[in-house]
Amino acid sequence: MEGAPAPAWALRRETTDSAIEQPVSASSQRKSQHLGLKPVKDANVQDKADVACTIVEFHPNSKTMITAGLDHRVRIFSIDGHTNASMQKPLHFDDYPIKCVKFLHDGSRIIVGGLKPYYFEYDLLENKTVRRPGIKTAKGTLNVHDRFVVSPDDKHVAFLGGGGEVHVVTRVSHSSRALMVPFSVTSMEFVPGAPRHLMLVGDVGRVHIVDIVTRRTVAAFQDDGNTATSCLSWTSDGSLLATGSPDGIVNVYRGRDVKALRGASLGTVKPVKTLSNLVTQITTMHWGVVGGRAVLAFGTRHKAGGMRVYDARRASVVPMWPPQGLYGRVGAMRISGDGGWLVAGLDNGRARMWKIIAD
């Protein structure tokens, strides 16, 4: 793997707006009624890949983001909307098609996974890459799947193992344990503020929260109106949960309603909003915070221009967006931690970017 000296941005922490609900005056509410999206230069304008841009991720503490695809490279950019400078040489992983990349929540490392029986951790401060061995199971070595998530305390990484199996790796000891649920898992995410609780969704529309230590289901419910669930996303403070279905339906739930469930028996939770703006499978979604309001970006890779932005305060999608002429298919969408930028990785290799404006 190729690298460069430790980047200074990895040492810098910048304040981000992480509150979902902030007390505001009537006058400030009048000034912040609408969201707008202004196109700016592509995030990867200085180093565009020749393959689909399937991964975009923002650093949690700085205006820095990464892109990746199937060319074995992770690229790092400084985001300002004007130059979006490439910050160092791409990180190159030989003979390793990259399928998923995540920053640790403390911003110190990048975890890189793909369809090989091992994964990597890149230390941003030491400019050092460590190869981690594959997960050992009763059936042999598990090829790292194309999806994994990191616990809020950065102590665990959970990998999809196929079917109803999930493997949780402890980062310090590198030990692993298997979790099982009675459905094929399609997506997962740790519950904010609960590093032991992993939420799993799957092909029968069931949503389970599993304790990764006891391996027991601590809460479960049926995704309202859906016979299958393809992805999910929590707000950073756990106040809202969104789920997406293969039929293009997005449900938005109150976090407190979900967290009130107890036990493995299937409970009932009603969404506060159901969106049907897209008609094909929801394959990516991500919550951000803009001007104190929760904003959800969601999209599908099965339809050109298939992306929308939902404003939770107005309980509606942003009108007249995306603009006509956006023909790329969406691999991933992310909103920056400060709520200033929306980026969409497209199948033509571009990482299209918009400045989010609250007025």
Protein backbone atom coordinates (compact mmCIF):
# COMPACT_ATOMS: atom_id res chain seq x y z
CA MET A 1 0.00 0.00 0.00
CA GLU A 2 1.28 3.47 -0.89
CA GLY A 3 1.06 6.38 1.54
CA ALA A 4 2.46 9.75 2.61
CA PRO A 5 3.52 11.46 5.84
CA ALA A 6 0.89 11.70 8.56
CA PRO A 7 -1.66 14.32 7.42
CA ALA A 8 -2.10 17.33 9.68
CA TRP A 9 -5.89 17.22 9.31
CA ALA A 10 -5.99 13.92 11.22
CA LEU A 11 -4.73 15.78 14.29
CA ARG A 12 -7.26 18.60 14.02
CA ARG A 13 -10.71 18.56 15.58
CA GLU A 14 -13.42 20.91 14.34
CA THR A 15 -16.71 21.63 16.04
CA THR A 16 -19.70 20.09 14.29
CA ASP A 17 -23.40 20.62 14.85
CA SER A 18 -24.75 17.32 16.17
CA ALA A 19 -27.95 18.41 17.93
CA ILE A 20 -31.17 17.35 16.25
CA GLU A 21 -33.60 19.48 18.20
CA GLN A 22 -32.45 22.88 19.40
CA PRO A 23 -34.65 25.53 21.04
CA VAL A 24 -35.10 28.36 18.58
CA SER A 25 -37.08 31.58 18.63
CA ALA A 26 -40.05 32.26 16.37
CA SER A 27 -37.99 34.74 14.38
CA SER A 28 -35.21 32.21 13.79
CA GLN A 29 -37.79 29.63 12.70
CA ARG A 30 -39.10 32.08 10.10
CA LYS A 31 -35.58 32.53 8.79
CA SER A 32 -34.99 28.77 8.52
CA GLN A 33 -38.05 27.43 6.77
CA HIS A 34 -36.54 26.08 3.56
CA LEU A 35 -33.62 23.95 2.52
CA GLY A 36 -31.80 24.53 -0.73
CA LEU A 37 -29.05 22.62 -2.51
CA LYS A 38 -26.53 24.56 -4.57
CA PRO A 39 -24.26 22.58 -6.95
CA VAL A 40 -20.54 23.09 -6.43
CA LYS A 41 -17.45 21.38 -7.81
CA ASP A 42 -17.28 17.61 -7.51
CA ALA A 43 -15.67 16.44 -4.29
CA ASN A 44 -13.17 14.36 -6.28
CA VAL A 45 -12.59 16.89 -9.07
CA GLN A 46 -8.81 16.73 -8.57
CA ASP A 47 -8.58 12.94 -8.71
CA LYS A 48 -11.60 11.27 -10.30
CA ALA A 49 -11.54 7.49 -10.56
CA ASP A 50 -12.19 5.65 -13.81
CA VAL A 51 -14.60 3.29 -12.05
CA ALA A 52 -17.91 3.80 -10.27
CA CYS A 53 -17.65 5.86 -7.08
CA THR A 54 -19.39 3.47 -4.68
CA ILE A 55 -18.09 4.84 -1.37
CA VAL A 56 -18.10 8.38 0.05
CA GLU A 57 -17.40 9.07 3.72
CA PHE A 58 -16.76 12.26 5.70
CA HIS A 59 -14.19 12.43 8.48
CA PRO A 60 -16.08 12.95 11.76
CA ASN A 61 -14.01 15.90 12.99
CA SER A 62 -12.81 17.83 9.96
CA LYS A 63 -13.87 18.95 6.49
CA THR A 64 -12.24 15.95 4.92
CA MET A 65 -13.76 13.09 2.97
CA ILE A 66 -12.76 9.89 1.24
CA THR A 67 -13.93 8.21 -1.94
CA ALA A 68 -13.38 4.65 -3.13
CA GLY A 69 -14.51 2.21 -5.79
CA LEU A 70 -13.31 -0.97 -7.43
CA ASP A 71 -9.86 0.31 -8.47
CA HIS A 72 -8.25 -0.70 -5.14
CA ARG A 73 -7.70 2.92 -4.08
CA VAL A 74 -8.94 5.20 -1.30
CA ARG A 75 -8.69 8.90 -2.11
CA ILE A 76 -8.69 11.70 0.48
CA PHE A 77 -9.89 15.26 -0.19
CA SER A 78 -10.14 18.56 1.70
CA ILE A 79 -13.65 19.87 1.08
CA ASP A 80 -14.26 23.60 0.56
CA GLY A 81 -16.59 23.59 -2.46
CA HIS A 82 -14.04 25.40 -4.62
CA THR A 83 -10.85 23.41 -5.10
CA ASN A 84 -11.62 20.29 -3.01
CA ALA A 85 -7.91 19.61 -2.92
CA SER A 86 -6.50 16.10 -3.04
CA MET A 87 -4.63 15.79 0.26
CA GLN A 88 -2.18 12.97 -0.43
CA LYS A 89 -1.47 10.13 -2.78
CA PRO A 90 -4.27 7.57 -2.93
CA LEU A 91 -4.01 4.64 -0.57
CA HIS A 92 -3.48 1.64 -2.85
CA PHE A 93 -4.50 -1.88 -1.80
CA ASP A 94 -3.09 -4.43 -4.26
CA ASP A 95 -5.44 -7.15 -5.49
CA TYR A 96 -8.14 -5.97 -3.12
CA PRO A 97 -11.43 -4.73 -4.61
CA ILE A 98 -12.70 -2.32 -1.96
CA LYS A 99 -16.35 -2.73 -0.96
CA CYS A 100 -16.70 -0.72 2.26
CA VAL A 101 -14.69 2.01 4.03
CA LYS A 102 -15.40 3.62 7.40
CA PHE A 103 -13.67 6.14 9.66
CA LEU A 104 -13.48 5.29 13.32
CA HIS A 105 -15.66 7.67 15.32
CA ASP A 106 -12.58 9.24 16.90
CA GLY A 107 -11.23 9.95 13.41
CA SER A 108 -7.89 8.24 13.99
CA ARG A 109 -8.17 5.35 11.53
CA ILE A 110 -9.82 4.17 8.34
CA ILE A 111 -11.11 0.60 8.12
CA VAL A 112 -11.17 -0.93 4.65
CA GLY A 113 -13.06 -4.12 3.78
CA GLY A 114 -13.73 -6.15 0.66
CA LEU A 115 -14.52 -9.64 -0.59
CA LYS A 116 -11.29 -11.17 0.68
CA PRO A 117 -10.62 -13.19 3.85
CA TYR A 118 -8.98 -10.18 5.57
CA TYR A 119 -9.41 -6.44 6.04
CA PHE A 120 -7.21 -3.40 6.73
CA GLU A 121 -6.83 -0.63 9.29
CA TYR A 122 -5.02 2.50 8.14
CA ASP A 123 -3.66 4.67 10.96
CA LEU A 124 -3.96 8.32 9.89
CA LEU A 125 -1.48 9.60 12.48
CA GLU A 126 1.27 7.05 11.87
CA ASN A 127 0.57 6.63 8.14
CA LYS A 128 0.61 2.89 8.67
CA THR A 129 -1.59 0.12 7.32
CA VAL A 130 -2.17 -3.11 9.23
CA ARG A 131 -3.73 -6.16 7.62
CA ARG A 132 -6.19 -7.96 9.88
CA PRO A 133 -6.82 -11.69 9.42
CA GLY A 134 -10.12 -13.14 8.34
CA ILE A 135 -12.80 -14.05 10.83
CA LYS A 136 -12.60 -17.67 11.91
CA THR A 137 -15.89 -19.55 12.12
CA ALA A 138 -16.94 -23.16 12.54
CA LYS A 139 -17.22 -23.38 8.75
CA GLY A 140 -13.79 -21.89 8.06
CA THR A 141 -12.55 -18.41 7.25
CA LEU A 142 -15.19 -15.83 6.45
CA ASN A 143 -14.59 -13.57 3.48
CA VAL A 144 -15.18 -10.03 4.72
CA HIS A 145 -18.52 -8.94 3.30
CA ASP A 146 -19.26 -5.73 1.44
CA ARG A 147 -20.83 -4.15 4.54
CA PHE A 148 -19.56 -3.59 8.07
CA VAL A 149 -20.24 -1.06 10.84
CA VAL A 150 -18.20 0.28 13.76
CA SER A 151 -19.57 0.55 17.30
CA PRO A 152 -19.97 4.07 18.79
CA ASP A 153 -17.05 3.45 21.17
CA ASP A 154 -14.81 2.13 18.32
CA LYS A 155 -14.23 -1.12 20.22
CA HIS A 156 -16.08 -3.45 17.85
CA VAL A 157 -16.57 -3.96 14.12
CA ALA A 158 -19.56 -5.99 12.93
CA PHE A 159 -19.37 -7.78 9.57
CA LEU A 160 -22.22 -9.33 7.62
CA GLY A 161 -21.55 -13.04 7.32
CA GLY A 162 -24.31 -14.14 4.98
CA GLY A 163 -27.85 -15.25 5.81
CA GLY A 164 -28.79 -14.45 9.38
CA GLU A 165 -25.20 -14.44 10.62
CA VAL A 166 -23.23 -11.40 11.79
CA HIS A 167 -19.66 -11.55 13.12
CA VAL A 168 -18.54 -9.01 15.72
CA VAL A 169 -14.78 -8.45 16.02
CA THR A 170 -13.19 -6.90 19.11
CA ARG A 171 -10.56 -4.52 17.75
CA VAL A 172 -8.06 -4.85 20.61
CA SER A 173 -8.04 -8.63 21.07
CA HIS A 174 -9.14 -9.45 17.49
CA SER A 175 -11.47 -12.07 18.89
CA SER A 176 -14.85 -12.56 17.23
CA ARG A 177 -18.30 -13.82 18.10
CA ALA A 178 -21.22 -14.77 15.87
CA LEU A 179 -24.75 -13.41 16.21
CA MET A 180 -27.74 -15.17 14.65
CA VAL A 181 -31.20 -13.86 13.76
CA PRO A 182 -34.05 -15.73 11.99
CA PHE A 183 -33.82 -13.82 8.70
CA SER A 184 -31.26 -12.90 6.08
CA VAL A 185 -29.60 -9.65 7.18
CA THR A 186 -29.36 -6.92 4.54
CA SER A 187 -28.14 -3.98 6.63
CA MET A 188 -27.18 -3.06 10.18
CA GLU A 189 -26.17 -0.16 12.38
CA PHE A 190 -25.30 0.30 16.04
CA VAL A 191 -27.89 2.13 18.12
CA PRO A 192 -26.55 5.61 19.02
CA GLY A 193 -25.45 5.82 22.64
CA ALA A 194 -25.66 2.03 23.07
CA PRO A 195 -22.37 0.46 21.90
CA ARG A 196 -23.59 -3.04 22.82
CA HIS A 197 -26.81 -2.82 20.80
CA LEU A 198 -26.67 -3.65 17.10
CA MET A 199 -29.78 -3.13 14.95
CA LEU A 200 -30.29 -5.62 12.12
CA VAL A 201 -32.83 -5.49 9.27
CA GLY A 202 -33.53 -8.03 6.57
CA ASP A 203 -35.52 -9.80 3.93
CA VAL A 204 -38.71 -10.32 5.93
CA GLY A 205 -39.07 -6.71 7.06
CA ARG A 206 -38.19 -7.51 10.66
CA VAL A 207 -36.04 -5.17 12.71
CA HIS A 208 -34.06 -6.67 15.60
CA ILE A 209 -31.81 -5.06 18.19
CA VAL A 210 -29.24 -7.58 19.44
CA ASP A 211 -26.93 -7.26 22.45
CA ILE A 212 -23.49 -8.15 21.05
CA VAL A 213 -22.28 -9.41 24.45
CA THR A 214 -25.18 -11.66 25.44
CA ARG A 215 -26.10 -12.33 21.76
CA ARG A 216 -29.75 -12.00 22.66
CA THR A 217 -32.44 -9.99 20.88
CA VAL A 218 -33.44 -7.19 23.24
CA ALA A 219 -36.10 -5.59 21.00
CA ALA A 220 -37.87 -6.39 17.73
CA PHE A 221 -40.60 -4.99 15.51
CA GLN A 222 -41.99 -5.28 11.99
CA ASP A 223 -41.01 -2.49 9.61
CA ASP A 224 -44.40 -0.91 9.01
CA GLY A 225 -45.97 -1.98 5.69
CA ASN A 226 -42.77 -3.63 4.41
CA THR A 227 -42.17 -7.31 3.73
CA ALA A 228 -38.45 -6.61 3.37
CA THR A 229 -36.04 -3.90 4.53
CA SER A 230 -32.92 -3.08 2.55
CA CYS A 231 -31.18 -0.42 4.65
CA LEU A 232 -31.43 1.79 7.72
CA SER A 233 -29.92 4.91 9.26
CA TRP A 234 -30.01 6.55 12.72
CA THR A 235 -29.51 10.21 13.50
CA SER A 236 -26.33 10.74 15.51
CA ASP A 237 -28.27 11.46 18.70
CA GLY A 238 -30.70 8.56 18.25
CA SER A 239 -33.80 10.74 17.97
CA LEU A 240 -34.85 9.42 14.55
CA LEU A 241 -34.53 6.13 12.67
CA ALA A 242 -35.12 5.67 8.94
CA THR A 243 -35.59 2.38 7.10
CA GLY A 244 -35.68 1.78 3.36
CA SER A 245 -37.34 -1.04 1.42
CA PRO A 246 -36.81 -2.83 -1.93
CA ASP A 247 -40.03 -1.15 -3.11
CA GLY A 248 -38.63 2.34 -2.61
CA ILE A 249 -40.53 3.06 0.62
CA VAL A 250 -38.81 4.98 3.43
CA ASN A 251 -40.21 4.91 6.97
CA VAL A 252 -39.15 7.47 9.59
CA TYR A 253 -39.58 6.46 13.26
CA ARG A 254 -39.08 8.31 16.53
CA GLY A 255 -36.06 6.89 18.29
CA ARG A 256 -37.79 6.93 21.66
CA ASP A 257 -40.60 4.74 20.30
CA VAL A 258 -38.11 2.16 19.07
CA LYS A 259 -36.03 2.24 22.26
CA ALA A 260 -39.17 1.74 24.38
CA LEU A 261 -39.53 -1.81 23.02
CA ARG A 262 -38.40 -4.62 25.30
CA GLY A 263 -37.85 -8.33 24.73
CA ALA A 264 -37.55 -10.62 21.72
CA SER A 265 -41.29 -10.71 20.99
CA LEU A 266 -42.29 -8.79 17.88
CA GLY A 267 -43.55 -5.34 18.88
CA THR A 268 -45.30 -2.57 16.97
CA VAL A 269 -43.91 0.86 16.13
CA LYS A 270 -45.69 3.31 13.86
CA PRO A 271 -43.66 5.65 11.66
CA VAL A 272 -44.13 9.39 11.92
CA LYS A 273 -43.59 9.70 8.17
CA THR A 274 -43.65 7.37 5.16
CA LEU A 275 -42.00 8.47 1.91
CA SER A 276 -42.71 6.90 -1.49
CA ASN A 277 -40.78 9.26 -3.77
CA LEU A 278 -38.65 6.48 -5.29
CA VAL A 279 -40.03 3.31 -6.85
CA THR A 280 -36.97 1.06 -6.79
CA GLN A 281 -34.91 -0.40 -3.96
CA ILE A 282 -33.49 2.04 -1.42
CA THR A 283 -29.78 1.22 -1.37
CA THR A 284 -28.28 4.15 0.53
CA MET A 285 -29.43 6.57 3.23
CA HIS A 286 -27.75 8.89 5.70
CA TRP A 287 -28.92 11.42 8.30
CA GLY A 288 -27.26 14.78 8.78
CA VAL A 289 -27.98 17.95 10.76
CA VAL A 290 -28.45 21.31 9.04
CA GLY A 291 -29.25 24.41 11.09
CA GLY A 292 -30.51 22.33 14.00
CA ARG A 293 -32.84 20.20 11.87
CA ALA A 294 -32.52 16.54 10.89
CA VAL A 295 -32.03 15.93 7.16
CA LEU A 296 -32.11 12.52 5.47
CA ALA A 297 -30.41 11.80 2.14
CA PHE A 298 -31.62 8.61 0.48
CA GLY A 299 -31.24 7.05 -2.93
CA THR A 300 -31.21 4.02 -5.20
CA ARG A 301 -28.51 2.70 -7.49
CA HIS A 302 -31.16 1.15 -9.74
CA LYS A 303 -32.41 4.41 -11.28
CA ALA A 304 -30.50 7.30 -12.83
CA GLY A 305 -30.89 10.41 -10.68
CA GLY A 306 -32.62 8.34 -8.01
CA MET A 307 -31.88 10.47 -4.94
CA ARG A 308 -33.92 12.64 -2.60
CA VAL A 309 -33.41 14.77 0.52
CA TYR A 310 -35.99 14.76 3.33
CA ASP A 311 -36.31 17.69 5.74
CA ALA A 312 -37.63 16.36 9.06
CA ARG A 313 -38.67 19.80 10.32
CA ARG A 314 -40.97 20.37 7.34
CA ALA A 315 -41.78 16.64 7.07
CA SER A 316 -41.29 16.77 3.31
CA VAL A 317 -38.67 16.21 0.64
CA VAL A 318 -36.77 19.15 -0.82
CA PRO A 319 -38.78 20.27 -3.89
CA MET A 320 -37.29 20.44 -7.39
CA TRP A 321 -34.31 18.33 -6.48
CA PRO A 322 -32.31 16.68 -7.92
CA PRO A 323 -32.12 18.89 -11.00
CA GLN A 324 -32.94 17.49 -14.42
CA GLY A 325 -29.94 16.15 -16.26
CA LEU A 326 -28.47 14.26 -13.32
CA TYR A 327 -28.18 10.91 -15.07
CA GLY A 328 -25.72 9.04 -12.89
CA ARG A 329 -26.76 6.13 -10.70
CA VAL A 330 -26.10 6.63 -7.00
CA GLY A 331 -23.68 4.34 -5.15
CA ALA A 332 -23.69 6.22 -1.84
CA MET A 333 -24.84 9.52 -0.29
CA ARG A 334 -23.41 11.31 2.74
CA ILE A 335 -23.97 14.61 4.56
CA SER A 336 -20.97 16.22 6.24
CA GLY A 337 -20.82 16.41 10.02
CA ASP A 338 -21.19 20.19 9.98
CA GLY A 339 -24.26 19.91 7.75
CA GLY A 340 -22.70 22.01 5.02
CA TRP A 341 -22.28 19.51 2.20
CA LEU A 342 -24.10 16.67 0.50
CA VAL A 343 -22.06 14.25 -1.64
CA ALA A 344 -23.30 11.50 -3.94
CA GLY A 345 -20.96 8.93 -5.46
CA LEU A 346 -22.09 8.05 -9.00
CA ASP A 347 -21.50 5.15 -11.38
CA ASN A 348 -19.56 7.43 -13.74
CA GLY A 349 -16.84 7.93 -11.11
CA ARG A 350 -17.92 11.42 -10.06
CA ALA A 351 -18.55 12.41 -6.46
CA ARG A 352 -21.18 15.09 -7.12
CA MET A 353 -21.47 17.67 -4.36
CA TRP A 354 -23.98 20.31 -3.25
CA LYS A 355 -23.83 23.00 -0.61
CA ILE A 356 -26.83 22.68 1.73
CA ILE A 357 -28.44 26.06 2.44
CA ALA A 358 -31.03 26.70 5.14
CA ASP A 359 -32.92 29.96 4.61
